[in-house]
Amino acid sequence: DLAYSQALKAFGYLNGVGVQTRDAPRYNLVGDPYFTDGLRAVMFFDERPFTFAELDIKAHWEIPSEIRAKIGEDKL
């Protein structure tokens, strides 16, 4: 949705808290469990509109395993 709004300039993923599985979740401040692939999505916004072709994808940052599996290690 953010890319469709054309406000998104760039995005990428960085290491976060580490992988937490459904079997061993972490808990937030109020005690709700959560699980994660361990990555944080980082987004940059700008006042001018950016098309999909103009998006700066920070590929040199971390790549989620689902995307890595789809495109293959040899293309990274």
C-alpha atoms as a PDB file:
ATOM      1  CA  ASP A   1       0.000   0.000   0.000  1.00  0.00           C
ATOM      2  CA  LEU A   2       2.828   2.403   0.797  1.00  0.00           C
ATOM      3  CA  ALA A   3       4.457   1.786  -2.575  1.00  0.00           C
ATOM      4  CA  TYR A   4       1.113   2.297  -4.331  1.00  0.00           C
ATOM      5  CA  SER A   5       0.737   5.635  -2.529  1.00  0.00           C
ATOM      6  CA  GLN A   6       4.041   6.642  -4.190  1.00  0.00           C
ATOM      7  CA  ALA A   7       5.314   8.073  -0.897  1.00  0.00           C
ATOM      8  CA  LEU A   8       7.849   5.265  -0.433  1.00  0.00           C
ATOM      9  CA  LYS A   9      11.342   6.180  -1.688  1.00  0.00           C
ATOM     10  CA  ALA A  10      13.390   3.184  -0.486  1.00  0.00           C
ATOM     11  CA  PHE A  11      13.143   0.102   1.714  1.00  0.00           C
ATOM     12  CA  GLY A  12      15.202  -2.763   3.014  1.00  0.00           C
ATOM     13  CA  TYR A  13      15.570  -5.189   5.888  1.00  0.00           C
ATOM     14  CA  LEU A  14      18.026  -5.167   8.814  1.00  0.00           C
ATOM     15  CA  ASN A  15      18.716  -7.687  11.545  1.00  0.00           C
ATOM     16  CA  GLY A  16      16.475  -7.181  14.537  1.00  0.00           C
ATOM     17  CA  VAL A  17      15.842  -9.189  17.686  1.00  0.00           C
ATOM     18  CA  GLY A  18      16.662 -12.543  16.104  1.00  0.00           C
ATOM     19  CA  VAL A  19      14.420 -15.365  15.014  1.00  0.00           C
ATOM     20  CA  GLN A  20      11.613 -16.278  17.413  1.00  0.00           C
ATOM     21  CA  THR A  21       9.485 -19.280  16.482  1.00  0.00           C
ATOM     22  CA  ARG A  22       5.870 -20.064  17.299  1.00  0.00           C
ATOM     23  CA  ASP A  23       7.185 -22.752  19.655  1.00  0.00           C
ATOM     24  CA  ALA A  24       9.440 -20.284  21.496  1.00  0.00           C
ATOM     25  CA  PRO A  25       7.850 -16.821  21.136  1.00  0.00           C
ATOM     26  CA  ARG A  26       8.957 -13.568  22.693  1.00  0.00           C
ATOM     27  CA  TYR A  27       6.536 -11.422  24.664  1.00  0.00           C
ATOM     28  CA  ASN A  28       5.742  -7.731  24.318  1.00  0.00           C
ATOM     29  CA  LEU A  29       5.354  -5.231  27.152  1.00  0.00           C
ATOM     30  CA  VAL A  30       1.841  -6.377  28.068  1.00  0.00           C
ATOM     31  CA  GLY A  31       2.654 -10.077  27.826  1.00  0.00           C
ATOM     32  CA  ASP A  32       1.307 -10.858  24.357  1.00  0.00           C
ATOM     33  CA  PRO A  33       3.375 -13.488  22.528  1.00  0.00           C
ATOM     34  CA  TYR A  34       4.876 -12.792  19.114  1.00  0.00           C
ATOM     35  CA  PHE A  35       7.127 -14.615  16.680  1.00  0.00           C
ATOM     36  CA  THR A  36       9.365 -13.154  13.988  1.00  0.00           C
ATOM     37  CA  ASP A  37      11.863 -13.929  11.242  1.00  0.00           C
ATOM     38  CA  GLY A  38      14.178 -11.565  13.132  1.00  0.00           C
ATOM     39  CA  LEU A  39      14.289  -8.830  10.506  1.00  0.00           C
ATOM     40  CA  ARG A  40      13.154  -5.209  10.713  1.00  0.00           C
ATOM     41  CA  ALA A  41      11.624  -3.481   7.722  1.00  0.00           C
ATOM     42  CA  VAL A  42      13.162  -0.037   7.201  1.00  0.00           C
ATOM     43  CA  MET A  43      11.351   2.434   4.951  1.00  0.00           C
ATOM     44  CA  PHE A  44      12.289   5.866   3.668  1.00  0.00           C
ATOM     45  CA  PHE A  45       9.636   8.362   2.594  1.00  0.00           C
ATOM     46  CA  ASP A  46       9.785  11.520   0.530  1.00  0.00           C
ATOM     47  CA  GLU A  47       7.465  14.369  -0.337  1.00  0.00           C
ATOM     48  CA  ARG A  48       7.656  13.756  -4.075  1.00  0.00           C
ATOM     49  CA  PRO A  49       6.004  10.671  -5.609  1.00  0.00           C
ATOM     50  CA  PHE A  50       8.129   7.639  -6.563  1.00  0.00           C
ATOM     51  CA  THR A  51       7.021   4.994  -9.044  1.00  0.00           C
ATOM     52  CA  PHE A  52       7.740   1.279  -8.540  1.00  0.00           C
ATOM     53  CA  ALA A  53      10.602   1.566 -11.039  1.00  0.00           C
ATOM     54  CA  GLU A  54      12.189   4.339  -8.956  1.00  0.00           C
ATOM     55  CA  LEU A  55      12.095   2.486  -5.621  1.00  0.00           C
ATOM     56  CA  ASP A  56      15.524   2.018  -4.079  1.00  0.00           C
ATOM     57  CA  ILE A  57      15.570  -1.546  -2.745  1.00  0.00           C
ATOM     58  CA  LYS A  58      18.413  -1.927  -0.279  1.00  0.00           C
ATOM     59  CA  ALA A  59      19.447  -5.353  -1.580  1.00  0.00           C
ATOM     60  CA  HIS A  60      22.869  -5.129   0.085  1.00  0.00           C
ATOM     61  CA  TRP A  61      21.105  -5.214   3.454  1.00  0.00           C
ATOM     62  CA  GLU A  62      19.511  -8.413   4.786  1.00  0.00           C
ATOM     63  CA  ILE A  63      17.206 -10.448   2.537  1.00  0.00           C
ATOM     64  CA  PRO A  64      14.230 -12.313   4.075  1.00  0.00           C
ATOM     65  CA  SER A  65      14.468 -16.092   3.710  1.00  0.00           C
ATOM     66  CA  GLU A  66      11.189 -16.250   1.757  1.00  0.00           C
ATOM     67  CA  ILE A  67      12.581 -13.893  -0.886  1.00  0.00           C
ATOM     68  CA  ARG A  68      15.974 -15.613  -0.846  1.00  0.00           C
ATOM     69  CA  ALA A  69      14.273 -18.966  -1.521  1.00  0.00           C
ATOM     70  CA  LYS A  70      12.225 -17.543  -4.412  1.00  0.00           C
ATOM     71  CA  ILE A  71      15.061 -15.860  -6.285  1.00  0.00           C
ATOM     72  CA  GLY A  72      17.851 -18.327  -5.479  1.00  0.00           C
ATOM     73  CA  GLU A  73      21.233 -17.821  -3.851  1.00  0.00           C
ATOM     74  CA  ASP A  74      23.032 -17.649  -7.196  1.00  0.00           C
ATOM     75  CA  LYS A  75      21.129 -14.449  -8.131  1.00  0.00           C
ATOM     76  CA  LEU A  76      21.898 -12.561  -4.928  1.00  0.00           C
END
